[in-house]
C-alpha atoms as a PDB file:
ATOM      1  CA  MET A   1     -15.765   2.158   9.791  1.00  0.00           C
ATOM      2  CA  ASN A   2     -18.279   4.401   8.008  1.00  0.00           C
ATOM      3  CA  GLN A   3     -21.786   2.957   8.122  1.00  0.00           C
ATOM      4  CA  ASN A   4     -22.714   4.335   4.698  1.00  0.00           C
ATOM      5  CA  ALA A   5     -20.700   1.710   2.818  1.00  0.00           C
ATOM      6  CA  ASP A   6     -22.469  -0.571   0.366  1.00  0.00           C
ATOM      7  CA  PRO A   7     -23.500  -3.675   2.362  1.00  0.00           C
ATOM      8  CA  THR A   8     -22.949  -5.841  -0.732  1.00  0.00           C
ATOM      9  CA  THR A   9     -19.252  -4.966  -0.722  1.00  0.00           C
ATOM     10  CA  SER A  10     -16.950  -6.153   2.038  1.00  0.00           C
ATOM     11  CA  SER A  11     -15.556  -3.557   4.404  1.00  0.00           C
ATOM     12  CA  GLY A  12     -12.721  -1.548   2.877  1.00  0.00           C
ATOM     13  CA  GLU A  13     -13.335  -2.842  -0.659  1.00  0.00           C
ATOM     14  CA  LEU A  14     -16.062  -0.555  -1.953  1.00  0.00           C
ATOM     15  CA  TYR A  15     -13.370   1.260  -3.931  1.00  0.00           C
ATOM     16  CA  ARG A  16     -13.164  -1.683  -6.337  1.00  0.00           C
ATOM     17  CA  LYS A  17     -16.547  -0.674  -7.771  1.00  0.00           C
ATOM     18  CA  PHE A  18     -15.212   2.782  -8.671  1.00  0.00           C
ATOM     19  CA  GLN A  19     -11.526   2.442  -9.579  1.00  0.00           C
ATOM     20  CA  PRO A  20     -10.513   2.577 -13.267  1.00  0.00           C
ATOM     21  CA  ARG A  21     -10.230  -0.812 -14.904  1.00  0.00           C
ATOM     22  CA  THR A  22      -7.501   0.369 -17.276  1.00  0.00           C
ATOM     23  CA  THR A  23      -5.335   3.486 -17.500  1.00  0.00           C
ATOM     24  CA  SER A  24      -2.708   4.697 -19.920  1.00  0.00           C
ATOM     25  CA  ARG A  25      -0.998   6.780 -17.249  1.00  0.00           C
ATOM     26  CA  ILE A  26       2.531   5.851 -16.205  1.00  0.00           C
ATOM     27  CA  ARG A  27       3.289   6.325 -12.526  1.00  0.00           C
ATOM     28  CA  GLU A  28       5.872   8.879 -11.409  1.00  0.00           C
ATOM     29  CA  GLU A  29       9.293   7.690 -10.246  1.00  0.00           C
ATOM     30  CA  ILE A  30       8.310   8.605  -6.680  1.00  0.00           C
ATOM     31  CA  GLU A  31       4.702   8.333  -5.513  1.00  0.00           C
ATOM     32  CA  TRP A  32       3.815   9.569  -2.036  1.00  0.00           C
ATOM     33  CA  SER A  33       0.957  10.095   0.392  1.00  0.00           C
ATOM     34  CA  ILE A  34       0.751  12.191   3.561  1.00  0.00           C
ATOM     35  CA  THR A  35      -2.174  12.260   5.978  1.00  0.00           C
ATOM     36  CA  TYR A  36      -2.801  13.805   9.402  1.00  0.00           C
ATOM     37  CA  SER A  37      -5.961  13.851  11.486  1.00  0.00           C
ATOM     38  CA  TYR A  38      -5.893  16.576  14.116  1.00  0.00           C
ATOM     39  CA  ASN A  39      -7.900  16.099  17.321  1.00  0.00           C
ATOM     40  CA  ALA A  40      -8.456  12.494  16.334  1.00  0.00           C
ATOM     41  CA  ARG A  41     -10.320  11.659  19.566  1.00  0.00           C
ATOM     42  CA  ASP A  42     -12.936  14.355  19.046  1.00  0.00           C
ATOM     43  CA  LEU A  43     -15.904  12.799  17.231  1.00  0.00           C
ATOM     44  CA  ARG A  44     -18.481  15.363  18.362  1.00  0.00           C
ATOM     45  CA  ASN A  45     -17.420  18.499  16.526  1.00  0.00           C
ATOM     46  CA  PRO A  46     -17.498  19.087  12.759  1.00  0.00           C
ATOM     47  CA  ARG A  47     -14.543  17.706  10.815  1.00  0.00           C
ATOM     48  CA  LEU A  48     -13.155  19.006   7.527  1.00  0.00           C
ATOM     49  CA  LEU A  49     -11.432  16.622   5.107  1.00  0.00           C
ATOM     50  CA  LEU A  50      -8.946  18.180   2.684  1.00  0.00           C
ATOM     51  CA  ILE A  51      -7.940  16.041  -0.306  1.00  0.00           C
ATOM     52  CA  GLY A  52      -5.222  17.233  -2.655  1.00  0.00           C
ATOM     53  CA  ASP A  53      -1.510  17.213  -3.344  1.00  0.00           C
ATOM     54  CA  SER A  54       1.506  19.209  -2.150  1.00  0.00           C
ATOM     55  CA  ILE A  55      -0.475  22.447  -2.460  1.00  0.00           C
ATOM     56  CA  CYS A  56      -2.956  21.010   0.060  1.00  0.00           C
ATOM     57  CA  ASN A  57      -0.052  19.893   2.228  1.00  0.00           C
ATOM     58  CA  GLY A  58       1.234  23.461   2.082  1.00  0.00           C
ATOM     59  CA  TYR A  59      -1.916  25.146   3.378  1.00  0.00           C
ATOM     60  CA  GLN A  60      -3.354  22.473   5.690  1.00  0.00           C
ATOM     61  CA  GLY A  61      -1.432  23.626   8.773  1.00  0.00           C
ATOM     62  CA  GLU A  62      -2.634  27.194   8.412  1.00  0.00           C
ATOM     63  CA  VAL A  63      -6.190  25.960   7.808  1.00  0.00           C
ATOM     64  CA  ARG A  64      -5.984  24.055  11.064  1.00  0.00           C
ATOM     65  CA  ASN A  65      -4.854  27.227  12.849  1.00  0.00           C
ATOM     66  CA  LEU A  66      -7.650  29.310  11.322  1.00  0.00           C
ATOM     67  CA  LEU A  67     -10.284  26.733  12.327  1.00  0.00           C
ATOM     68  CA  ALA A  68      -8.722  25.927  15.698  1.00  0.00           C
ATOM     69  CA  ASP A  69     -11.830  26.648  17.800  1.00  0.00           C
ATOM     70  CA  ARG A  70     -14.436  25.872  15.128  1.00  0.00           C
ATOM     71  CA  MET A  71     -13.651  22.640  13.307  1.00  0.00           C
ATOM     72  CA  ASN A  72     -11.274  19.681  13.290  1.00  0.00           C
ATOM     73  CA  VAL A  73      -9.157  18.933  10.228  1.00  0.00           C
ATOM     74  CA  THR A  74      -8.039  15.796   8.457  1.00  0.00           C
ATOM     75  CA  PHE A  75      -6.012  16.027   5.272  1.00  0.00           C
ATOM     76  CA  TRP A  76      -4.738  13.603   2.680  1.00  0.00           C
ATOM     77  CA  ALA A  77      -2.152  14.842   0.202  1.00  0.00           C
ATOM     78  CA  SER A  78      -0.890  12.496  -2.507  1.00  0.00           C
ATOM     79  CA  SER A  79       1.071  12.503  -5.742  1.00  0.00           C
ATOM     80  CA  LYS A  80      -1.264   9.923  -7.244  1.00  0.00           C
ATOM     81  CA  CYS A  81      -3.318  10.887 -10.255  1.00  0.00           C
ATOM     82  CA  VAL A  82      -6.982  10.035  -9.862  1.00  0.00           C
ATOM     83  CA  THR A  83      -6.627   7.638 -12.830  1.00  0.00           C
ATOM     84  CA  ASP A  84      -4.341   5.382 -10.787  1.00  0.00           C
ATOM     85  CA  PRO A  85      -6.520   2.491  -9.575  1.00  0.00           C
ATOM     86  CA  ASP A  86      -4.622   2.493  -6.281  1.00  0.00           C
ATOM     87  CA  TYR A  87      -5.792   6.065  -5.674  1.00  0.00           C
ATOM     88  CA  PHE A  88      -9.247   4.691  -4.886  1.00  0.00           C
ATOM     89  CA  ARG A  89      -7.962   2.180  -2.347  1.00  0.00           C
ATOM     90  CA  GLU A  90      -6.253   4.981  -0.431  1.00  0.00           C
ATOM     91  CA  LEU A  91      -9.229   7.289  -0.855  1.00  0.00           C
ATOM     92  CA  GLU A  92     -11.587   4.766   0.724  1.00  0.00           C
ATOM     93  CA  PHE A  93      -9.196   4.282   3.642  1.00  0.00           C
ATOM     94  CA  ILE A  94      -9.218   8.039   4.315  1.00  0.00           C
ATOM     95  CA  LEU A  95     -12.986   8.306   3.907  1.00  0.00           C
ATOM     96  CA  ASP A  96     -13.541   5.531   6.434  1.00  0.00           C
ATOM     97  CA  GLY A  97     -11.518   7.283   9.127  1.00  0.00           C
ATOM     98  CA  PHE A  98     -14.065   9.769  10.493  1.00  0.00           C
ATOM     99  CA  PRO A  99     -17.511  11.265   9.979  1.00  0.00           C
ATOM    100  CA  TYR A 100     -16.814  14.352   7.856  1.00  0.00           C
ATOM    101  CA  SER A 101     -18.994  17.452   7.681  1.00  0.00           C
ATOM    102  CA  VAL A 102     -17.169  19.068   4.759  1.00  0.00           C
ATOM    103  CA  ILE A 103     -14.926  17.504   2.102  1.00  0.00           C
ATOM    104  CA  LEU A 104     -12.794  19.651  -0.204  1.00  0.00           C
ATOM    105  CA  PHE A 105     -11.574  17.608  -3.170  1.00  0.00           C
ATOM    106  CA  ASN A 106      -8.737  18.378  -5.584  1.00  0.00           C
ATOM    107  CA  ASN A 107      -6.724  16.356  -8.086  1.00  0.00           C
ATOM    108  CA  GLY A 108      -4.865  17.822 -11.020  1.00  0.00           C
ATOM    109  CA  LEU A 109      -1.301  19.090 -10.733  1.00  0.00           C
ATOM    110  CA  HIS A 110       0.108  15.564 -10.993  1.00  0.00           C
ATOM    111  CA  SER A 111      -2.261  14.940 -13.906  1.00  0.00           C
ATOM    112  CA  LEU A 112      -1.122  17.566 -16.412  1.00  0.00           C
ATOM    113  CA  SER A 113      -0.125  14.999 -19.039  1.00  0.00           C
ATOM    114  CA  THR A 114      -2.891  12.504 -18.229  1.00  0.00           C
ATOM    115  CA  ASP A 115      -5.403  11.566 -20.932  1.00  0.00           C
ATOM    116  CA  ARG A 116      -8.256  14.018 -20.436  1.00  0.00           C
ATOM    117  CA  GLY A 117     -11.027  11.483 -21.044  1.00  0.00           C
ATOM    118  CA  GLU A 118      -9.548   9.027 -18.551  1.00  0.00           C
ATOM    119  CA  TRP A 119      -9.066  11.813 -16.015  1.00  0.00           C
ATOM    120  CA  GLU A 120     -12.638  13.046 -16.267  1.00  0.00           C
ATOM    121  CA  GLN A 121     -14.045   9.542 -15.913  1.00  0.00           C
ATOM    122  CA  ALA A 122     -11.892   8.789 -12.861  1.00  0.00           C
ATOM    123  CA  PHE A 123     -12.587  12.207 -11.315  1.00  0.00           C
ATOM    124  CA  ARG A 124     -16.325  11.604 -11.576  1.00  0.00           C
ATOM    125  CA  ALA A 125     -15.911   8.121 -10.087  1.00  0.00           C
ATOM    126  CA  ALA A 126     -13.976   9.529  -7.115  1.00  0.00           C
ATOM    127  CA  LEU A 127     -16.785  11.994  -6.425  1.00  0.00           C
ATOM    128  CA  ARG A 128     -19.329   9.167  -6.533  1.00  0.00           C
ATOM    129  CA  LEU A 129     -17.293   7.159  -4.036  1.00  0.00           C
ATOM    130  CA  ILE A 130     -17.064  10.167  -1.714  1.00  0.00           C
ATOM    131  CA  ARG A 131     -20.796  10.779  -1.945  1.00  0.00           C
ATOM    132  CA  GLN A 132     -21.621   7.152  -1.264  1.00  0.00           C
ATOM    133  CA  LYS A 133     -19.394   7.080   1.803  1.00  0.00           C
ATOM    134  CA  HIS A 134     -20.492  10.478   3.124  1.00  0.00           C
ATOM    135  CA  PRO A 135     -23.859  11.420   1.609  1.00  0.00           C
ATOM    136  CA  GLY A 136     -24.491  14.080   4.248  1.00  0.00           C
ATOM    137  CA  ALA A 137     -21.183  15.924   3.834  1.00  0.00           C
ATOM    138  CA  GLU A 138     -20.843  19.187   1.941  1.00  0.00           C
ATOM    139  CA  LEU A 139     -18.638  18.259  -1.028  1.00  0.00           C
ATOM    140  CA  VAL A 140     -16.669  21.028  -2.755  1.00  0.00           C
ATOM    141  CA  ILE A 141     -14.380  20.758  -5.795  1.00  0.00           C
ATOM    142  CA  VAL A 142     -11.166  22.750  -5.411  1.00  0.00           C
ATOM    143  CA  ASN A 143      -9.578  23.987  -8.633  1.00  0.00           C
ATOM    144  CA  SER A 144      -5.881  23.340  -9.165  1.00  0.00           C
ATOM    145  CA  THR A 145      -3.567  26.300  -8.737  1.00  0.00           C
ATOM    146  CA  PRO A 146      -1.594  27.890 -11.590  1.00  0.00           C
ATOM    147  CA  THR A 147       2.125  27.316 -12.001  1.00  0.00           C
ATOM    148  CA  SER A 148       4.962  29.738 -12.664  1.00  0.00           C
ATOM    149  CA  ASP A 149       5.267  28.286 -16.178  1.00  0.00           C
ATOM    150  CA  SER A 150       2.797  29.468 -18.821  1.00  0.00           C
ATOM    151  CA  ASN A 151       2.632  26.175 -20.722  1.00  0.00           C
ATOM    152  CA  ARG A 152       1.911  24.171 -17.590  1.00  0.00           C
ATOM    153  CA  THR A 153      -0.620  26.759 -16.485  1.00  0.00           C
ATOM    154  CA  ASP A 154      -2.469  26.282 -19.782  1.00  0.00           C
ATOM    155  CA  GLN A 155      -2.652  22.559 -18.948  1.00  0.00           C
ATOM    156  CA  VAL A 156      -4.024  23.406 -15.516  1.00  0.00           C
ATOM    157  CA  ARG A 157      -6.701  25.530 -17.184  1.00  0.00           C
ATOM    158  CA  GLU A 158      -7.744  22.535 -19.293  1.00  0.00           C
ATOM    159  CA  LEU A 159      -8.194  20.318 -16.247  1.00  0.00           C
ATOM    160  CA  ASN A 160      -9.977  23.053 -14.306  1.00  0.00           C
ATOM    161  CA  ALA A 161     -12.394  23.497 -17.202  1.00  0.00           C
ATOM    162  CA  ILE A 162     -13.257  19.800 -16.987  1.00  0.00           C
ATOM    163  CA  ALA A 163     -13.660  20.074 -13.211  1.00  0.00           C
ATOM    164  CA  ALA A 164     -15.957  23.070 -13.671  1.00  0.00           C
ATOM    165  CA  ARG A 165     -18.107  21.105 -16.094  1.00  0.00           C
ATOM    166  CA  ILE A 166     -18.291  18.239 -13.610  1.00  0.00           C
ATOM    167  CA  ALA A 167     -19.215  20.628 -10.793  1.00  0.00           C
ATOM    168  CA  GLU A 168     -22.051  22.014 -12.905  1.00  0.00           C
ATOM    169  CA  THR A 169     -23.477  18.635 -13.881  1.00  0.00           C
ATOM    170  CA  GLU A 170     -23.101  17.243 -10.358  1.00  0.00           C
ATOM    171  CA  LYS A 171     -24.433  20.458  -8.766  1.00  0.00           C
ATOM    172  CA  LEU A 172     -21.362  20.883  -6.588  1.00  0.00           C
ATOM    173  CA  ARG A 173     -19.770  24.058  -5.298  1.00  0.00           C
ATOM    174  CA  GLN A 174     -16.280  25.040  -6.418  1.00  0.00           C
ATOM    175  CA  LEU A 175     -13.459  26.804  -4.628  1.00  0.00           C
ATOM    176  CA  ASP A 176     -11.468  28.631  -7.296  1.00  0.00           C
ATOM    177  CA  LEU A 177      -7.907  28.858  -6.022  1.00  0.00           C
ATOM    178  CA  PHE A 178      -6.705  29.308  -9.598  1.00  0.00           C
ATOM    179  CA  GLU A 179      -8.325  32.715 -10.041  1.00  0.00           C
ATOM    180  CA  ALA A 180      -7.147  33.767  -6.593  1.00  0.00           C
ATOM    181  CA  MET A 181      -3.503  32.961  -7.385  1.00  0.00           C
ATOM    182  CA  ASP A 182      -3.182  33.629 -11.120  1.00  0.00           C
ATOM    183  CA  PRO A 183      -2.950  37.467 -10.927  1.00  0.00           C
ATOM    184  CA  LEU A 184      -0.046  37.284  -8.450  1.00  0.00           C
ATOM    185  CA  ASP A 185       3.518  38.003  -9.502  1.00  0.00           C
ATOM    186  CA  ARG A 186       5.316  34.743 -10.232  1.00  0.00           C
ATOM    187  CA  LYS A 187       8.693  35.945  -8.949  1.00  0.00           C
ATOM    188  CA  THR A 188       7.234  37.126  -5.637  1.00  0.00           C
ATOM    189  CA  PHE A 189       4.619  34.547  -4.746  1.00  0.00           C
ATOM    190  CA  TRP A 190       6.050  31.274  -6.134  1.00  0.00           C
ATOM    191  CA  ARG A 191       8.942  29.303  -4.612  1.00  0.00           C
ATOM    192  CA  ASP A 192       9.356  27.066  -7.673  1.00  0.00           C
ATOM    193  CA  ALA A 193       7.286  25.948 -10.658  1.00  0.00           C
ATOM    194  CA  PHE A 194       4.401  24.698  -8.503  1.00  0.00           C
ATOM    195  CA  HIS A 195       4.780  25.805  -4.881  1.00  0.00           C
ATOM    196  CA  PHE A 196       4.024  29.081  -3.194  1.00  0.00           C
ATOM    197  CA  ALA A 197       5.606  31.538  -0.799  1.00  0.00           C
ATOM    198  CA  ASP A 198       4.116  31.937   2.673  1.00  0.00           C
ATOM    199  CA  GLU A 199       1.922  34.926   1.851  1.00  0.00           C
ATOM    200  CA  ALA A 200       0.188  33.095  -0.991  1.00  0.00           C
ATOM    201  CA  ILE A 201      -0.233  29.976   1.161  1.00  0.00           C
ATOM    202  CA  ARG A 202      -1.930  32.047   3.855  1.00  0.00           C
ATOM    203  CA  ARG A 203      -4.384  33.410   1.289  1.00  0.00           C
ATOM    204  CA  GLN A 204      -5.177  29.892   0.077  1.00  0.00           C
ATOM    205  CA  ALA A 205      -5.757  28.783   3.670  1.00  0.00           C
ATOM    206  CA  GLU A 206      -8.093  31.714   4.314  1.00  0.00           C
ATOM    207  CA  LEU A 207     -10.201  30.803   1.290  1.00  0.00           C
ATOM    208  CA  VAL A 208     -10.312  27.149   2.315  1.00  0.00           C
ATOM    209  CA  ALA A 209     -11.302  28.027   5.882  1.00  0.00           C
ATOM    210  CA  GLU A 210     -14.003  30.457   4.708  1.00  0.00           C
ATOM    211  CA  THR A 211     -15.457  27.781   2.428  1.00  0.00           C
ATOM    212  CA  ALA A 212     -15.505  25.198   5.208  1.00  0.00           C
ATOM    213  CA  LEU A 213     -17.094  27.513   7.757  1.00  0.00           C
ATOM    214  CA  ALA A 214     -19.851  28.484   5.352  1.00  0.00           C
ATOM    215  CA  ALA A 215     -20.907  24.840   5.118  1.00  0.00           C
ATOM    216  CA  VAL A 216     -21.156  23.725   8.748  1.00  0.00           C
ATOM    217  CA  PRO A 217     -23.019  24.695  11.907  1.00  0.00           C
ATOM    218  CA  GLU A 218     -21.350  25.944  15.044  1.00  0.00           C
ATOM    219  CA  THR A 219     -19.308  23.495  17.118  1.00  0.00           C
ATOM    220  CA  THR A 220     -21.379  21.353  19.447  1.00  0.00           C
ATOM    221  CA  VAL A 221     -18.950  21.377  22.378  1.00  0.00           C
ATOM    222  CA  ALA A 222     -15.924  23.406  23.321  1.00  0.00           C
ATOM    223  CA  LEU A 223     -13.182  22.724  20.780  1.00  0.00           C
ATOM    224  CA  ARG A 224      -9.519  23.004  21.695  1.00  0.00           C
ATOM    225  CA  GLN A 225      -6.748  21.716  19.486  1.00  0.00           C
ATOM    226  CA  GLN A 226      -4.708  19.019  21.205  1.00  0.00           C
ATOM    227  CA  GLY A 227      -1.075  18.255  20.444  1.00  0.00           C
ATOM    228  CA  THR A 228       1.086  15.289  21.290  1.00  0.00           C
ATOM    229  CA  GLU A 229       4.789  14.751  21.670  1.00  0.00           C
ATOM    230  CA  THR A 230       4.673  12.296  18.778  1.00  0.00           C
ATOM    231  CA  GLY A 231       3.860  14.841  16.112  1.00  0.00           C
ATOM    232  CA  PRO A 232       3.318  16.254  13.706  1.00  0.00           C
ATOM    233  CA  ASP A 233       5.211  19.107  15.377  1.00  0.00           C
ATOM    234  CA  GLY A 234       6.610  17.201  18.334  1.00  0.00           C
ATOM    235  CA  PRO A 235       9.606  14.877  18.531  1.00  0.00           C
ATOM    236  CA  LEU A 236       9.368  11.302  17.281  1.00  0.00           C
ATOM    237  CA  ASN A 237      11.717   9.690  19.792  1.00  0.00           C
END
């Protein structure tokens, strides 16, 4: 358990101080979460935490490959909008898993129709929770990627503008995946309305890896990625 938690709040319940008390958002028909921690036994080398949605889930494997001898990777991808109070319970669970050197935070593509005021308030609260749990980590806001649909992309721009304003007031760095992807041809580089072809995913992963490496020192001991027969690429028998 992370030792930076508020001692006045019982272990695993700090999130209650940050989660929205009310929200007008209606949950999706299917809500999901995916998390992997690579090299989970290695607590000596720097660890990157990626927080996002299916876009994050798309590039996390390539990020791990790019950082294979430099940094360990944990990722949490979820459909939950940051205005969902349960988002904060899951977020605290992930934050308590390891000491993180760098945290890249994104929430937005599942929030396109969310009330903008509620989203901004919850987004700011999530950043405060992250900072309280990991005050020494480099925290970076990751902009949401554009879609293949112009109307949805305009909604993404609205949320990214709010995120940019938050980054400025909170003095946080941003990784602008939107500007990196937006000039690309929609028919070539998108698989559907939201998700990307392999070439675009590789470019996203390169930008993520570059951002992470710029924020951490060299590894402290020899780092070699370990795999197991139980996954995520091995059999689950």
